[in-house]
N, C-alpha and C. Protein backbone atom coordinates (compact mmCIF):
# COMPACT_ATOMS: atom_id res chain seq x y z
N MET A 1 1.10 -1.21 0.26
CA MET A 1 0.02 0.62 0.31
C MET A 1 0.55 0.80 0.26
N ASP A 2 0.77 2.52 -1.01
CA ASP A 2 1.21 3.51 -1.27
C ASP A 2 0.48 4.46 0.43
N GLU A 3 0.92 5.84 0.31
CA GLU A 3 0.39 6.48 0.45
C GLU A 3 -1.32 7.41 0.79
N LEU A 4 -1.46 6.76 -0.85
CA LEU A 4 -2.35 7.38 -0.95
C LEU A 4 -3.77 5.88 -0.64
N ASP A 5 -3.68 4.53 -0.98
CA ASP A 5 -3.74 3.90 -0.61
C ASP A 5 -4.97 4.17 0.74
N ARG A 6 -3.70 4.15 1.66
CA ARG A 6 -3.46 4.41 2.83
C ARG A 6 -4.88 5.26 3.64
N ALA A 7 -4.57 6.24 2.70
CA ALA A 7 -4.74 7.58 3.18
C ALA A 7 -6.36 7.19 2.40
N ILE A 8 -7.15 6.00 1.54
CA ILE A 8 -8.03 6.11 1.03
C ILE A 8 -9.58 5.19 1.48
N ILE A 9 -8.53 4.21 2.23
CA ILE A 9 -8.85 3.40 3.70
C ILE A 9 -8.91 4.28 4.99
N ASN A 10 -7.78 5.19 5.79
CA ASN A 10 -8.45 6.34 6.54
C ASN A 10 -9.85 6.68 6.07
N GLU A 11 -9.32 7.58 5.05
CA GLU A 11 -10.98 8.64 5.48
C GLU A 11 -12.75 7.86 5.41
N LEU A 12 -12.51 6.18 4.55
CA LEU A 12 -13.71 5.52 4.26
C LEU A 12 -14.16 5.04 5.22
N GLN A 13 -12.62 4.49 6.27
CA GLN A 13 -14.04 4.53 7.32
C GLN A 13 -14.52 5.00 8.21
N GLY A 14 -14.13 6.29 8.09
CA GLY A 14 -15.59 7.09 9.04
C GLY A 14 -16.61 7.69 9.01
N GLY A 15 -16.60 7.01 7.90
CA GLY A 15 -18.00 7.27 6.91
C GLY A 15 -17.64 6.61 5.34
N PHE A 16 -19.01 6.83 4.62
CA PHE A 16 -18.92 7.12 3.34
C PHE A 16 -19.92 8.38 2.45
N PRO A 17 -19.41 9.02 2.22
CA PRO A 17 -20.84 10.64 1.45
C PRO A 17 -22.08 9.68 1.16
N VAL A 18 -22.37 10.60 1.05
CA VAL A 18 -24.25 10.16 0.98
C VAL A 18 -24.90 11.27 -0.12
N CYS A 19 -24.16 11.73 -1.48
CA CYS A 19 -24.02 12.48 -2.09
C CYS A 19 -24.92 11.76 -3.82
N ASP A 20 -24.79 12.90 -4.88
CA ASP A 20 -25.15 12.34 -5.80
C ASP A 20 -23.36 11.62 -6.70
N ARG A 21 -22.18 12.21 -6.02
CA ARG A 21 -20.66 11.47 -6.68
C ARG A 21 -19.82 11.40 -5.07
N PRO A 22 -20.16 10.50 -4.97
CA PRO A 22 -19.47 10.35 -3.00
C PRO A 22 -18.05 9.72 -3.22
N PHE A 23 -17.87 8.98 -4.77
CA PHE A 23 -16.12 9.23 -5.13
C PHE A 23 -15.04 10.54 -5.26
N ALA A 24 -16.28 11.41 -5.95
CA ALA A 24 -15.95 11.93 -6.13
C ALA A 24 -15.79 13.41 -4.77
N GLU A 25 -16.08 13.17 -4.60
CA GLU A 25 -15.94 14.01 -2.79
C GLU A 25 -14.74 13.30 -2.46
N VAL A 26 -14.81 12.19 -2.41
CA VAL A 26 -12.77 11.55 -1.65
C VAL A 26 -12.12 11.67 -2.14
N ALA A 27 -12.36 11.64 -2.94
CA ALA A 27 -11.49 12.34 -4.37
C ALA A 27 -10.53 14.45 -3.92
N ALA A 28 -11.51 14.66 -4.07
CA ALA A 28 -11.24 16.08 -3.40
C ALA A 28 -10.89 15.84 -1.85
N ARG A 29 -11.12 15.37 -1.81
CA ARG A 29 -10.81 15.48 -0.39
C ARG A 29 -8.68 14.78 -0.03
N LEU A 30 -9.13 14.43 -0.92
CA LEU A 30 -7.80 13.26 -0.94
C LEU A 30 -6.43 13.74 -2.03
N HIS A 31 -7.21 14.96 -2.17
CA HIS A 31 -6.27 15.40 -3.80
C HIS A 31 -5.74 14.69 -5.11
N SER A 32 -7.00 13.90 -5.07
CA SER A 32 -6.97 12.79 -6.59
C SER A 32 -8.71 13.04 -6.96
N THR A 33 -8.76 12.10 -8.04
CA THR A 33 -9.61 11.52 -9.16
C THR A 33 -10.71 10.85 -8.41
N GLU A 34 -11.97 11.36 -9.15
CA GLU A 34 -12.46 10.20 -8.83
C GLU A 34 -12.54 9.40 -9.41
N GLN A 35 -11.94 8.03 -9.93
CA GLN A 35 -11.92 7.79 -11.35
C GLN A 35 -10.49 6.42 -10.67
N GLU A 36 -8.99 7.61 -9.97
CA GLU A 36 -7.80 7.31 -9.46
C GLU A 36 -8.98 6.86 -7.49
N ILE A 37 -10.23 6.83 -7.03
CA ILE A 37 -10.43 6.32 -5.60
C ILE A 37 -10.71 5.08 -6.04
N ILE A 38 -12.23 5.41 -7.31
CA ILE A 38 -13.23 3.90 -7.95
C ILE A 38 -11.39 2.75 -7.91
N SER A 39 -10.76 3.02 -9.23
CA SER A 39 -9.71 1.86 -9.20
C SER A 39 -8.66 1.98 -8.52
N ARG A 40 -8.43 2.52 -6.98
CA ARG A 40 -6.97 1.87 -6.15
C ARG A 40 -8.44 1.02 -5.22
N ILE A 41 -9.54 1.57 -5.67
CA ILE A 41 -10.39 0.43 -4.11
C ILE A 41 -10.27 -0.79 -4.20
N ASP A 42 -10.73 -0.85 -6.52
CA ASP A 42 -10.99 -2.31 -6.68
C ASP A 42 -9.92 -3.07 -6.96
N LEU A 43 -8.64 -2.11 -6.50
CA LEU A 43 -7.11 -3.03 -6.21
C LEU A 43 -6.55 -3.70 -4.98
N LEU A 44 -7.72 -2.58 -4.74
CA LEU A 44 -7.42 -3.13 -3.22
C LEU A 44 -8.61 -4.35 -2.59
N LEU A 45 -9.89 -4.43 -3.44
CA LEU A 45 -9.74 -5.61 -3.18
C LEU A 45 -9.89 -6.77 -3.82
N LYS A 46 -9.48 -7.15 -5.24
CA LYS A 46 -8.49 -7.74 -6.34
C LYS A 46 -6.96 -8.03 -5.64
N GLY A 47 -6.60 -7.19 -4.81
CA GLY A 47 -5.36 -7.93 -4.02
C GLY A 47 -5.63 -8.37 -2.89
N GLY A 48 -6.86 -8.23 -1.80
CA GLY A 48 -7.00 -9.11 -0.94
C GLY A 48 -6.66 -7.93 -0.35
N THR A 49 -6.21 -6.99 -0.19
CA THR A 49 -5.77 -6.01 1.18
C THR A 49 -7.07 -5.40 1.50
N LEU A 50 -8.26 -5.56 1.34
CA LEU A 50 -9.83 -5.12 1.43
C LEU A 50 -10.11 -6.10 1.40
N SER A 51 -10.93 -6.92 2.56
CA SER A 51 -12.25 -8.80 1.65
C SER A 51 -13.17 -7.91 1.01
N ARG A 52 -13.43 -6.79 2.08
CA ARG A 52 -14.98 -6.54 1.78
C ARG A 52 -14.68 -4.55 1.86
N PHE A 53 -15.95 -4.07 0.41
CA PHE A 53 -16.29 -2.35 0.21
C PHE A 53 -17.75 -1.81 0.79
N GLY A 54 -18.61 -2.24 1.90
CA GLY A 54 -19.33 -1.50 1.68
C GLY A 54 -19.63 -0.85 3.24
N PRO A 55 -21.10 -1.32 3.26
CA PRO A 55 -21.53 -0.21 4.51
C PRO A 55 -21.76 -1.67 5.52
N MET A 56 -22.07 -0.89 6.93
CA MET A 56 -22.05 -1.96 8.08
C MET A 56 -23.36 -1.82 8.39
N TYR A 57 -24.25 -2.48 8.61
CA TYR A 57 -25.74 -1.63 9.42
C TYR A 57 -25.43 -3.21 10.58
N HIS A 58 -26.46 -2.50 11.18
CA HIS A 58 -26.56 -2.65 13.15
C HIS A 58 -28.24 -3.74 12.95
N ALA A 59 -27.68 -4.76 13.01
CA ALA A 59 -28.63 -5.34 12.65
C ALA A 59 -30.10 -5.03 13.55
N GLU A 60 -29.61 -5.84 15.26
CA GLU A 60 -30.56 -5.30 16.14
C GLU A 60 -31.81 -4.37 16.43
N ARG A 61 -30.53 -3.23 15.53
CA ARG A 61 -31.56 -1.73 15.26
C ARG A 61 -32.65 -2.27 14.47
N MET A 62 -32.44 -2.84 12.83
CA MET A 62 -33.07 -3.08 12.43
C MET A 62 -34.33 -3.80 12.21
N GLY A 63 -34.70 -5.08 13.77
CA GLY A 63 -35.15 -5.92 14.28
C GLY A 63 -35.09 -7.47 13.26
N GLY A 64 -33.68 -7.31 13.08
CA GLY A 64 -32.47 -8.94 12.81
C GLY A 64 -32.14 -9.06 14.68
N SER A 65 -31.09 -9.99 14.14
CA SER A 65 -30.37 -10.81 14.78
C SER A 65 -28.92 -11.64 13.76
N LEU A 66 -27.88 -11.16 14.99
CA LEU A 66 -27.04 -11.28 14.56
C LEU A 66 -26.01 -12.41 15.57
N SER A 67 -25.49 -13.08 15.16
CA SER A 67 -24.48 -13.89 16.39
C SER A 67 -23.21 -14.32 15.08
N LEU A 68 -22.72 -14.73 16.48
CA LEU A 68 -21.12 -15.58 15.89
C LEU A 68 -21.33 -17.13 16.83
N ALA A 69 -21.50 -18.33 15.68
CA ALA A 69 -21.56 -19.50 16.29
C ALA A 69 -20.71 -20.58 16.17
N ALA A 70 -20.60 -21.56 16.38
CA ALA A 70 -19.44 -22.17 16.91
C ALA A 70 -19.99 -23.62 17.18
N MET A 71 -19.00 -25.10 15.50
CA MET A 71 -19.46 -26.92 16.66
C MET A 71 -18.40 -27.24 16.08
N LYS A 72 -18.22 -28.07 17.31
CA LYS A 72 -17.14 -29.18 17.42
C LYS A 72 -17.80 -29.74 16.34
N ILE A 73 -16.56 -30.60 15.66
CA ILE A 73 -17.05 -31.24 14.07
C ILE A 73 -15.66 -31.71 13.93
N PRO A 74 -15.88 -33.03 14.14
CA PRO A 74 -14.60 -33.87 13.21
C PRO A 74 -14.10 -34.04 12.37
N ALA A 75 -12.83 -33.80 12.17
CA ALA A 75 -11.45 -33.10 10.94
C ALA A 75 -13.08 -34.27 9.77
N ALA A 76 -13.14 -35.79 10.32
CA ALA A 76 -13.05 -36.19 9.01
C ALA A 76 -14.91 -35.82 8.46
N ASP A 77 -15.72 -34.88 9.22
CA ASP A 77 -16.10 -34.98 8.82
C ASP A 77 -17.09 -33.48 8.18
N PHE A 78 -15.65 -32.38 8.82
CA PHE A 78 -15.37 -31.03 7.58
C PHE A 78 -16.01 -29.90 6.70
N GLU A 79 -15.87 -31.54 5.84
CA GLU A 79 -15.23 -30.46 4.45
C GLU A 79 -17.21 -31.08 4.50
N ARG A 80 -18.22 -31.85 4.12
CA ARG A 80 -19.82 -32.00 4.04
C ARG A 80 -20.01 -31.11 5.41
N VAL A 81 -19.84 -30.66 6.37
CA VAL A 81 -21.15 -29.88 6.80
C VAL A 81 -20.56 -28.60 6.86
N ALA A 82 -19.26 -27.86 5.99
CA ALA A 82 -18.26 -26.89 5.62
C ALA A 82 -19.23 -26.18 4.38
N GLU A 83 -20.30 -27.80 4.10
CA GLU A 83 -20.53 -27.13 2.17
C GLU A 83 -22.34 -27.43 2.37
N ILE A 84 -22.98 -27.48 3.99
CA ILE A 84 -24.25 -28.01 4.64
C ILE A 84 -24.10 -26.64 4.47
N LEU A 85 -23.41 -25.84 5.13
CA LEU A 85 -23.25 -24.28 5.89
C LEU A 85 -23.44 -23.05 4.60
N ASN A 86 -22.90 -23.75 3.88
CA ASN A 86 -22.45 -22.57 2.82
C ASN A 86 -23.63 -21.95 2.02
N ALA A 87 -24.22 -23.86 2.10
CA ALA A 87 -25.80 -23.46 0.62
C ALA A 87 -27.33 -22.39 2.05
N ILE A 88 -26.80 -22.06 3.42
CA ILE A 88 -27.86 -21.57 4.06
C ILE A 88 -27.65 -20.61 4.10
N PRO A 89 -28.00 -19.06 2.89
CA PRO A 89 -27.84 -17.99 2.67
C PRO A 89 -27.83 -17.49 4.61
N GLU A 90 -28.68 -17.40 5.32
CA GLU A 90 -27.63 -16.78 7.00
C GLU A 90 -26.18 -16.91 7.56
N VAL A 91 -26.36 -17.91 6.64
CA VAL A 91 -24.80 -18.16 7.53
C VAL A 91 -23.80 -17.09 6.40
N ALA A 92 -23.29 -16.08 7.13
CA ALA A 92 -22.18 -15.40 5.95
C ALA A 92 -20.85 -15.76 5.97
N HIS A 93 -20.63 -16.48 6.71
CA HIS A 93 -19.80 -17.15 5.97
C HIS A 93 -18.51 -18.54 7.53
N ASN A 94 -17.65 -18.41 7.79
CA ASN A 94 -17.21 -19.73 8.06
C ASN A 94 -16.06 -20.39 8.19
N TYR A 95 -15.02 -20.67 9.06
CA TYR A 95 -13.86 -20.75 9.13
C TYR A 95 -13.28 -22.52 9.65
N ALA A 96 -12.40 -22.61 9.94
CA ALA A 96 -11.73 -23.10 10.25
C ALA A 96 -11.00 -22.96 11.69
N ARG A 97 -11.20 -22.98 13.41
CA ARG A 97 -10.02 -23.17 13.98
C ARG A 97 -9.75 -24.22 14.36
N ASP A 98 -8.06 -24.29 14.91
CA ASP A 98 -7.04 -24.97 15.01
C ASP A 98 -7.82 -24.62 17.01
N HIS A 99 -8.53 -25.63 17.48
CA HIS A 99 -9.73 -25.35 18.36
C HIS A 99 -10.39 -25.89 18.90
N LEU A 100 -10.60 -26.71 20.03
CA LEU A 100 -11.77 -27.91 19.75
C LEU A 100 -12.97 -27.72 19.52
N LEU A 101 -13.25 -26.20 19.63
CA LEU A 101 -14.60 -25.53 18.41
C LEU A 101 -13.95 -25.64 17.18
N SER A 102 -14.24 -26.21 16.36
CA SER A 102 -13.21 -26.50 14.90
C SER A 102 -13.90 -25.02 13.76
N MET A 103 -15.13 -25.32 13.94
CA MET A 103 -15.76 -24.32 13.08
C MET A 103 -16.88 -23.17 13.01
N TRP A 104 -16.50 -22.56 12.89
CA TRP A 104 -16.50 -21.39 13.66
C TRP A 104 -18.13 -20.37 12.12
N PHE A 105 -18.99 -19.53 12.27
CA PHE A 105 -19.54 -19.11 11.03
C PHE A 105 -20.13 -17.64 11.87
N VAL A 106 -20.79 -17.26 11.19
CA VAL A 106 -21.71 -15.86 11.65
C VAL A 106 -23.41 -16.54 10.53
N LEU A 107 -23.85 -15.69 11.77
CA LEU A 107 -25.35 -15.59 11.22
C LEU A 107 -25.83 -14.71 11.81
N ALA A 108 -26.42 -14.60 10.62
CA ALA A 108 -27.63 -13.26 10.44
C ALA A 108 -28.74 -13.26 9.91
N THR A 109 -29.48 -12.84 10.29
CA THR A 109 -31.34 -12.88 10.45
C THR A 109 -31.87 -11.71 9.88
N GLU A 110 -33.13 -11.87 9.72
CA GLU A 110 -33.94 -10.39 9.88
C GLU A 110 -34.78 -10.49 10.57
N THR A 111 -35.09 -11.34 11.70
CA THR A 111 -35.25 -11.73 12.77
C THR A 111 -35.17 -12.94 13.71
N PRO A 112 -35.41 -11.91 14.86
CA PRO A 112 -34.67 -13.25 15.99
C PRO A 112 -35.46 -15.06 15.45
N ARG A 113 -36.67 -14.17 15.28
CA ARG A 113 -37.21 -16.10 15.02
C ARG A 113 -36.62 -17.26 13.97
N GLU A 114 -37.03 -16.14 12.71
CA GLU A 114 -35.69 -16.29 12.07
C GLU A 114 -33.75 -17.39 12.77
N HIS A 115 -33.67 -16.37 13.24
CA HIS A 115 -32.43 -16.66 14.11
C HIS A 115 -32.45 -18.52 14.21
N ALA A 116 -33.48 -18.51 15.58
CA ALA A 116 -33.92 -19.97 16.05
C ALA A 116 -33.75 -20.75 15.00
N ALA A 117 -35.06 -20.08 13.96
CA ALA A 117 -34.93 -21.97 13.19
C ALA A 117 -33.92 -21.96 12.21
N ALA A 118 -32.91 -21.01 11.99
CA ALA A 118 -31.93 -21.48 11.65
C ALA A 118 -30.85 -22.42 12.08
N LEU A 119 -30.85 -21.63 13.72
CA LEU A 119 -29.63 -22.89 14.16
C LEU A 119 -30.37 -23.96 14.19
N GLU A 120 -32.04 -24.36 14.47
CA GLU A 120 -32.91 -25.80 14.52
C GLU A 120 -32.48 -26.23 13.47
N ARG A 121 -32.63 -25.68 12.22
CA ARG A 121 -32.30 -26.00 10.21
C ARG A 121 -30.64 -26.64 10.44
N ILE A 122 -29.44 -25.70 11.76
CA ILE A 122 -27.99 -26.17 11.03
C ILE A 122 -27.82 -27.21 12.00
N GLU A 123 -28.49 -27.96 12.86
CA GLU A 123 -28.46 -29.13 14.47
C GLU A 123 -29.13 -30.17 13.28
N ARG A 124 -30.59 -29.59 12.72
CA ARG A 124 -31.31 -30.94 12.03
C ARG A 124 -29.73 -31.43 10.90
N GLU A 125 -29.60 -29.95 9.68
CA GLU A 125 -29.01 -31.55 7.64
C GLU A 125 -27.36 -31.49 8.44
N THR A 126 -26.93 -30.48 10.14
CA THR A 126 -25.60 -30.85 10.51
C THR A 126 -25.45 -33.05 11.26
N GLY A 127 -26.10 -32.71 12.31
CA GLY A 127 -26.37 -34.14 13.27
C GLY A 127 -25.11 -33.04 14.41
N TYR A 128 -24.90 -31.34 14.38
CA TYR A 128 -24.01 -31.70 15.60
C TYR A 128 -24.64 -30.16 15.73
N PRO A 129 -24.30 -30.35 17.73
CA PRO A 129 -24.89 -28.59 17.92
C PRO A 129 -24.42 -27.61 18.03
N VAL A 130 -24.73 -26.12 17.38
CA VAL A 130 -24.74 -24.81 17.28
C VAL A 130 -24.04 -24.96 18.92
N TYR A 131 -23.16 -24.38 18.70
CA TYR A 131 -22.40 -23.29 20.36
C TYR A 131 -23.24 -21.33 19.76
N ASP A 132 -24.27 -21.12 20.39
CA ASP A 132 -24.48 -19.78 19.32
C ASP A 132 -24.00 -18.66 20.46
N MET A 133 -23.60 -17.26 20.27
CA MET A 133 -22.88 -16.36 21.08
C MET A 133 -23.68 -15.38 20.59
N PRO A 134 -24.63 -14.83 21.05
CA PRO A 134 -24.64 -13.50 20.06
C PRO A 134 -24.04 -12.21 21.17
N LYS A 135 -23.57 -11.26 21.18
CA LYS A 135 -22.86 -10.32 21.30
C LYS A 135 -23.77 -9.66 22.46
N ILE A 136 -23.17 -9.62 23.59
CA ILE A 136 -23.14 -9.19 24.26
C ILE A 136 -23.15 -6.93 24.37
N LYS A 137 -22.68 -7.02 24.12
CA LYS A 137 -21.63 -5.69 24.29
C LYS A 137 -21.33 -5.16 22.68
N GLU A 138 -21.27 -4.33 22.10
CA GLU A 138 -20.58 -3.75 21.01
C GLU A 138 -19.05 -2.95 21.17
N TYR A 139 -18.22 -3.85 20.75
CA TYR A 139 -16.80 -2.83 20.43
C TYR A 139 -16.66 -2.35 19.04
N PHE A 140 -16.31 -0.92 18.63
CA PHE A 140 -15.76 -0.32 17.36
C PHE A 140 -13.76 -0.17 17.92
N ILE A 141 -13.26 -1.07 16.86
CA ILE A 141 -11.77 -0.85 16.82
C ILE A 141 -11.59 -0.39 15.33
N GLY A 142 -11.26 0.82 15.38
CA GLY A 142 -10.99 1.21 13.84
C GLY A 142 -9.39 1.42 13.57
N LEU A 143 -9.00 1.50 13.13
CA LEU A 143 -7.58 0.24 12.00
C LEU A 143 -7.40 1.76 11.60
N ARG A 144 -6.38 1.85 11.85
CA ARG A 144 -5.45 3.71 10.87
C ARG A 144 -4.29 3.41 10.63
N PHE A 145 -4.01 4.15 8.95
CA PHE A 145 -2.41 3.43 8.88
C PHE A 145 -2.05 5.44 8.84
N ALA A 146 -0.41 4.76 9.26
CA ALA A 146 0.08 6.69 9.39
C ALA A 146 -0.31 7.17 7.56
N ALA A 147 -0.20 8.70 7.44
CA ALA A 147 0.76 8.35 5.85
C ALA A 147 1.59 8.68 6.22
């Protein structure tokens, strides 16, 4: 990352302009061009420096439900269970951890009732219990890069 890449990331973590041409507004703040900002974000995504570019929603304030969940999955059954989770729209992503709870995933639903139903479905289809861990308190940790 160069100085402009770091400046773009720092600038956009504080919010995205809501206007007709938000990238042009960011470009003006960073003494760049609209196309340069768009191109840089695209390259940061394609190169894996950024994994995601988009809004963060507070699911609970919108009536939804969100939690981190984990399961104890034997290595021999890991791929089968991962395929099941990957097919469930409410599962945002899943990943392996070197831990007794070997499979972790984020579950997001439009309502708490749908959340409970999704947990039941996962347990039924996989044959394993789910350890659901809804957040108790939300923390925000900002990441800033020195220019």
